[in-house]
Amino acid sequence: MATVGQWIEGARPRTLPNAVAPVIAGTGAAAWLGEAVWWKAPLALVVSLALIVGVNYANDYSDGIRGTDDVRSGPLRLVGSKVASPRAVLTAALVSLGLGAAAGLALAIVSAPWLIAVGAACIAGAWLYTGGAKPYGYSGLGEVAVFVFFGLVAVLGTQFTQALRVDWVGAAAAVAVGALSSAVLVANNLRDIPTDRETGKITLAVRLGDARTRVLYQVLVAAAFVLTLVLMLATPWCAVGLLALPLAVRAATPVRRGLGGRELIPVLRDTGLTMLMWSVTVALALALA
């Protein structure tokens, strides 16, 4: 039976900034419009956190029963390491996704009922990432899904539920957060290229190969800081987003130096911290401007 610590590790805490950062950025974008509704932000955060934990457990379950995680160099996987049964991990995934659905339903009812359809698409995307007969995560589309769901949908959805409209500032923030969120997955899949190729999991990193995947990672991280300059057209205070640049450089260093295996694990943490710091600083700049 898995310990509490193993369940926490199985939830992949290094990915939690992917859930927190979009809500912060979206709330800052709503505040820029003068329409922030502060009690809706925690509700959006519950949705985002529940979905990412749910997709992580669902990924653990689906990869585990397929044997994809039997040999790996990354952090613990509950089913692959046999410390938890597939049924238990599946239950954890369904409970998390159900909690996200309930919070999302409440948020949609008080904002715009058509958002229920968006929430349903998010849950379907979470499950079909590695679940089902033809998981899109095994076809090189994982990074696209992360960009859409944890970038565009999460940031603009947060802005819309509060302001009931979106603008170009929210869109720029959504693309920046989406790029950094995708970079987290690129770093993860870069580390797993050898084992994924061996088990038939054809991620984008497997398709591109090691060298081009490293270039893609750096382009995605750089894109967020290019968009910081774009956001300065809204208010020069958005320049504070550049304070996250040293963290981004630290995150990219192992990738740039050609390191692999477990030496790439800190890249996930540092990329997530970069995204979190960027979102906090830019959101504050937009709110105070």
Protein backbone atom coordinates (compact mmCIF):
# COMPACT_ATOMS: atom_id res chain seq x y z
CA MET A 1 0.00 0.00 0.00
CA ALA A 2 1.37 3.40 -0.98
CA THR A 3 2.27 5.83 1.78
CA VAL A 4 0.89 9.37 1.99
CA GLY A 5 4.23 10.66 0.74
CA GLN A 6 4.08 8.34 -2.27
CA TRP A 7 0.54 9.48 -3.10
CA ILE A 8 1.73 13.09 -2.94
CA GLU A 9 4.67 12.28 -5.20
CA GLY A 10 2.31 10.43 -7.53
CA ALA A 11 0.25 13.62 -7.85
CA ARG A 12 3.40 15.19 -9.37
CA PRO A 13 3.72 18.34 -7.25
CA ARG A 14 6.29 19.76 -9.67
CA THR A 15 3.43 20.26 -12.15
CA LEU A 16 1.18 22.20 -9.75
CA PRO A 17 2.49 25.61 -10.94
CA ASN A 18 0.86 24.68 -14.27
CA ALA A 19 -2.47 24.91 -12.43
CA VAL A 20 -1.78 27.89 -10.16
CA ALA A 21 -0.05 30.23 -12.64
CA PRO A 22 -2.93 30.45 -15.17
CA VAL A 23 -5.43 31.45 -12.47
CA ILE A 24 -3.08 34.14 -11.15
CA ALA A 25 -2.42 35.48 -14.65
CA GLY A 26 -6.11 35.38 -15.59
CA THR A 27 -7.10 37.20 -12.40
CA GLY A 28 -4.48 39.86 -13.13
CA ALA A 29 -5.90 40.23 -16.64
CA ALA A 30 -9.41 40.63 -15.19
CA ALA A 31 -8.09 43.25 -12.76
CA TRP A 32 -6.54 45.09 -15.71
CA LEU A 33 -10.08 45.45 -17.07
CA GLY A 34 -11.21 46.66 -13.65
CA GLU A 35 -13.48 43.65 -13.30
CA ALA A 36 -11.69 41.27 -10.90
CA VAL A 37 -14.08 39.22 -8.77
CA TRP A 38 -11.84 37.96 -6.02
CA TRP A 39 -14.11 35.21 -4.67
CA LYS A 40 -14.19 33.56 -8.10
CA ALA A 41 -10.40 33.22 -8.24
CA PRO A 42 -10.21 30.52 -5.49
CA LEU A 43 -13.03 28.62 -7.20
CA ALA A 44 -11.12 28.72 -10.49
CA LEU A 45 -8.02 27.56 -8.60
CA VAL A 46 -9.88 24.53 -7.23
CA VAL A 47 -10.94 23.63 -10.78
CA SER A 48 -7.41 23.98 -12.13
CA LEU A 49 -5.70 22.09 -9.30
CA ALA A 50 -8.25 19.27 -9.31
CA LEU A 51 -7.92 18.82 -13.06
CA ILE A 52 -4.13 18.68 -13.06
CA VAL A 53 -4.02 16.22 -10.15
CA GLY A 54 -6.71 14.20 -11.89
CA VAL A 55 -4.84 14.11 -15.20
CA ASN A 56 -1.63 13.15 -13.38
CA TYR A 57 -3.26 10.21 -11.64
CA ALA A 58 -5.06 9.23 -14.85
CA ASN A 59 -1.74 9.34 -16.68
CA ASP A 60 -0.16 7.21 -13.95
CA TYR A 61 -2.98 4.68 -14.27
CA SER A 62 -3.04 4.50 -18.07
CA ASP A 63 0.74 4.39 -18.51
CA GLY A 64 1.01 1.88 -15.68
CA ILE A 65 -1.40 -0.66 -17.11
CA ARG A 66 0.25 -0.31 -20.53
CA GLY A 67 3.70 -0.98 -19.05
CA THR A 68 5.06 2.39 -20.19
CA ASP A 69 6.32 3.21 -16.68
CA ASP A 70 7.92 -0.16 -15.93
CA VAL A 71 11.39 1.25 -16.63
CA ARG A 72 11.92 4.98 -16.11
CA SER A 73 14.49 7.47 -14.83
CA GLY A 74 12.03 10.03 -13.49
CA PRO A 75 10.05 10.39 -10.25
CA LEU A 76 7.88 7.66 -8.74
CA ARG A 77 4.88 6.34 -10.64
CA LEU A 78 2.38 4.57 -8.42
CA VAL A 79 1.16 1.82 -10.77
CA GLY A 80 4.43 1.35 -12.64
CA SER A 81 6.37 0.86 -9.39
CA LYS A 82 3.55 -1.36 -8.02
CA VAL A 83 3.22 0.60 -4.75
CA ALA A 84 -0.49 1.17 -5.49
CA SER A 85 -3.05 -0.88 -7.38
CA PRO A 86 -4.39 0.36 -10.72
CA ARG A 87 -7.90 0.48 -9.25
CA ALA A 88 -6.78 2.73 -6.38
CA VAL A 89 -5.01 5.15 -8.73
CA LEU A 90 -7.98 5.17 -11.11
CA THR A 91 -10.25 5.99 -8.17
CA ALA A 92 -7.98 8.87 -7.15
CA ALA A 93 -8.09 10.19 -10.72
CA LEU A 94 -11.89 10.02 -10.91
CA VAL A 95 -12.33 11.68 -7.50
CA SER A 96 -10.00 14.53 -8.50
CA LEU A 97 -11.70 15.02 -11.87
CA GLY A 98 -15.11 14.88 -10.17
CA LEU A 99 -14.07 17.59 -7.70
CA GLY A 100 -12.88 19.73 -10.60
CA ALA A 101 -16.16 19.15 -12.43
CA ALA A 102 -18.22 20.18 -9.40
CA ALA A 103 -16.23 23.38 -8.84
CA GLY A 104 -16.30 24.13 -12.56
CA LEU A 105 -20.07 23.64 -12.69
CA ALA A 106 -20.55 26.11 -9.85
CA LEU A 107 -18.27 28.64 -11.54
CA ALA A 108 -20.07 28.25 -14.88
CA ILE A 109 -23.52 28.68 -13.32
CA VAL A 110 -22.56 32.02 -11.73
CA SER A 111 -20.66 33.21 -14.83
CA ALA A 112 -21.88 31.76 -18.14
CA PRO A 113 -23.62 28.37 -18.47
CA TRP A 114 -22.01 27.66 -21.85
CA LEU A 115 -18.73 27.24 -19.97
CA ILE A 116 -20.06 23.84 -18.88
CA ALA A 117 -19.25 22.59 -22.39
CA VAL A 118 -15.70 23.95 -22.06
CA GLY A 119 -15.33 22.14 -18.74
CA ALA A 120 -16.55 18.89 -20.29
CA ALA A 121 -13.94 19.27 -23.04
CA CYS A 122 -11.24 19.82 -20.41
CA ILE A 123 -12.18 16.66 -18.55
CA ALA A 124 -12.31 14.66 -21.77
CA GLY A 125 -8.89 16.04 -22.70
CA ALA A 126 -7.53 15.06 -19.28
CA TRP A 127 -8.68 11.45 -19.65
CA LEU A 128 -7.83 10.95 -23.33
CA TYR A 129 -4.28 12.26 -22.89
CA THR A 130 -3.10 8.74 -22.09
CA GLY A 131 -6.43 6.94 -21.72
CA GLY A 132 -8.70 5.32 -24.28
CA ALA A 133 -7.89 3.26 -27.34
CA LYS A 134 -5.90 6.01 -29.09
CA PRO A 135 -4.44 8.41 -26.50
CA TYR A 136 -3.29 11.64 -28.11
CA GLY A 137 -0.35 11.87 -25.72
CA TYR A 138 1.08 8.86 -27.55
CA SER A 139 0.80 10.71 -30.87
CA GLY A 140 2.87 13.80 -30.09
CA LEU A 141 -0.07 16.09 -29.24
CA GLY A 142 0.47 16.39 -25.50
CA GLU A 143 2.24 19.75 -25.68
CA VAL A 144 -0.53 21.17 -27.87
CA ALA A 145 -3.15 20.07 -25.35
CA VAL A 146 -1.21 21.57 -22.44
CA PHE A 147 -0.85 24.86 -24.34
CA VAL A 148 -4.59 24.95 -25.05
CA PHE A 149 -5.97 23.75 -21.70
CA PHE A 150 -3.44 25.14 -19.20
CA GLY A 151 -2.65 28.22 -21.26
CA LEU A 152 -5.44 29.58 -23.42
CA VAL A 153 -8.45 28.00 -21.70
CA ALA A 154 -7.22 28.40 -18.11
CA VAL A 155 -6.02 32.02 -18.37
CA LEU A 156 -8.77 33.34 -20.64
CA GLY A 157 -11.37 31.27 -18.79
CA THR A 158 -10.30 32.82 -15.49
CA GLN A 159 -10.40 36.31 -17.01
CA PHE A 160 -13.80 35.69 -18.59
CA THR A 161 -15.50 34.25 -15.50
CA GLN A 162 -14.58 37.43 -13.63
CA ALA A 163 -14.80 40.17 -16.28
CA LEU A 164 -17.28 38.41 -18.62
CA ARG A 165 -15.00 39.39 -21.53
CA VAL A 166 -11.42 38.89 -22.66
CA ASP A 167 -8.94 41.22 -24.33
CA TRP A 168 -5.53 41.18 -26.00
CA VAL A 169 -3.75 41.52 -22.64
CA GLY A 170 -5.39 38.33 -21.41
CA ALA A 171 -4.58 36.63 -24.72
CA ALA A 172 -0.88 37.61 -24.49
CA ALA A 173 -0.72 36.35 -20.91
CA ALA A 174 -2.46 33.13 -21.95
CA VAL A 175 0.06 32.44 -24.72
CA ALA A 176 2.98 33.16 -22.37
CA VAL A 177 1.66 30.86 -19.64
CA GLY A 178 0.79 28.22 -22.25
CA ALA A 179 4.33 28.33 -23.64
CA LEU A 180 5.88 27.88 -20.20
CA SER A 181 3.39 25.16 -19.28
CA SER A 182 4.21 23.30 -22.50
CA ALA A 183 7.91 23.71 -21.72
CA VAL A 184 7.39 21.74 -18.50
CA LEU A 185 6.00 18.81 -20.50
CA VAL A 186 8.73 19.13 -23.13
CA ALA A 187 11.36 18.84 -20.38
CA ASN A 188 9.60 15.79 -18.95
CA ASN A 189 9.35 14.10 -22.34
CA LEU A 190 12.95 15.00 -23.21
CA ARG A 191 14.08 13.04 -20.16
CA ASP A 192 11.88 10.08 -21.12
CA ILE A 193 12.83 9.82 -24.83
CA PRO A 194 14.78 6.52 -24.46
CA THR A 195 12.09 4.70 -22.44
CA ASP A 196 9.17 6.19 -24.38
CA ARG A 197 10.69 5.14 -27.69
CA GLU A 198 11.24 1.65 -26.33
CA THR A 199 7.64 1.29 -25.12
CA GLY A 200 6.04 2.81 -28.22
CA LYS A 201 4.95 6.09 -26.61
CA ILE A 202 5.53 8.46 -29.54
CA THR A 203 5.63 11.84 -27.83
CA LEU A 204 6.59 15.03 -29.63
CA ALA A 205 10.07 14.67 -28.11
CA VAL A 206 10.40 11.19 -29.62
CA ARG A 207 9.30 12.55 -33.00
CA LEU A 208 11.70 15.51 -32.91
CA GLY A 209 14.66 13.72 -31.36
CA ASP A 210 16.90 14.90 -28.55
CA ALA A 211 18.59 17.90 -30.18
CA ARG A 212 15.48 19.51 -31.67
CA THR A 213 13.50 18.92 -28.46
CA ARG A 214 16.13 20.91 -26.56
CA VAL A 215 15.73 23.76 -29.06
CA LEU A 216 11.94 23.62 -28.72
CA TYR A 217 12.19 23.88 -24.94
CA GLN A 218 14.34 27.00 -25.13
CA VAL A 219 12.08 28.62 -27.75
CA LEU A 220 9.02 28.09 -25.54
CA VAL A 221 10.71 29.63 -22.51
CA ALA A 222 12.02 32.57 -24.55
CA ALA A 223 8.52 33.19 -25.97
CA ALA A 224 7.19 34.09 -22.53
CA PHE A 225 9.77 36.85 -22.15
CA VAL A 226 9.16 38.17 -25.66
CA LEU A 227 5.49 38.45 -24.67
CA THR A 228 6.54 40.30 -21.53
CA LEU A 229 7.84 43.05 -23.82
CA VAL A 230 4.53 42.98 -25.71
CA LEU A 231 2.60 43.38 -22.45
CA MET A 232 4.67 46.46 -21.66
CA LEU A 233 2.60 48.16 -24.35
CA ALA A 234 -0.32 47.86 -21.93
CA THR A 235 1.68 49.13 -18.97
CA PRO A 236 5.46 49.52 -18.55
CA TRP A 237 5.07 47.92 -15.14
CA CYS A 238 4.82 44.53 -16.86
CA ALA A 239 8.61 44.75 -17.13
CA VAL A 240 8.66 43.21 -13.64
CA GLY A 241 7.94 39.91 -15.42
CA LEU A 242 11.59 39.96 -16.46
CA LEU A 243 12.47 39.27 -12.82
CA ALA A 244 11.68 35.62 -13.62
CA LEU A 245 14.46 35.55 -16.23
CA PRO A 246 17.23 34.30 -13.87
CA LEU A 247 15.01 31.36 -12.91
CA ALA A 248 14.41 30.64 -16.59
CA VAL A 249 18.15 30.66 -17.27
CA ARG A 250 18.70 28.22 -14.40
CA ALA A 251 15.92 25.98 -15.72
CA ALA A 252 17.33 25.94 -19.24
CA THR A 253 20.97 25.32 -18.27
CA PRO A 254 20.77 21.49 -17.99
CA VAL A 255 18.83 21.39 -21.28
CA ARG A 256 21.36 23.61 -23.04
CA ARG A 257 24.30 21.57 -21.68
CA GLY A 258 22.90 18.32 -23.03
CA LEU A 259 22.25 16.64 -19.68
CA GLY A 260 19.81 13.75 -19.53
CA GLY A 261 18.06 11.25 -17.27
CA ARG A 262 17.60 12.26 -13.65
CA GLU A 263 19.75 15.35 -14.21
CA LEU A 264 16.75 16.84 -16.05
CA ILE A 265 14.34 16.44 -13.12
CA PRO A 266 15.20 19.91 -11.65
CA VAL A 267 14.27 21.45 -15.00
CA LEU A 268 10.60 20.65 -14.34
CA ARG A 269 10.73 22.35 -10.94
CA ASP A 270 12.60 25.42 -12.16
CA THR A 271 10.41 25.85 -15.24
CA GLY A 272 7.33 25.67 -13.03
CA LEU A 273 8.82 28.23 -10.63
CA THR A 274 9.63 30.49 -13.60
CA MET A 275 6.01 30.29 -14.74
CA LEU A 276 4.73 30.97 -11.23
CA MET A 277 7.01 33.97 -10.65
CA TRP A 278 6.23 35.38 -14.09
CA SER A 279 2.48 35.09 -13.49
CA VAL A 280 2.61 36.64 -10.03
CA THR A 281 4.72 39.63 -11.09
CA VAL A 282 2.79 40.34 -14.30
CA ALA A 283 -0.59 39.90 -12.57
CA LEU A 284 0.42 42.37 -9.86
CA ALA A 285 1.61 44.83 -12.50
CA LEU A 286 -1.70 44.57 -14.37
CA ALA A 287 -3.77 44.84 -11.19
CA LEU A 288 -1.90 47.86 -9.84
CA ALA A 289 -1.58 49.68 -13.15
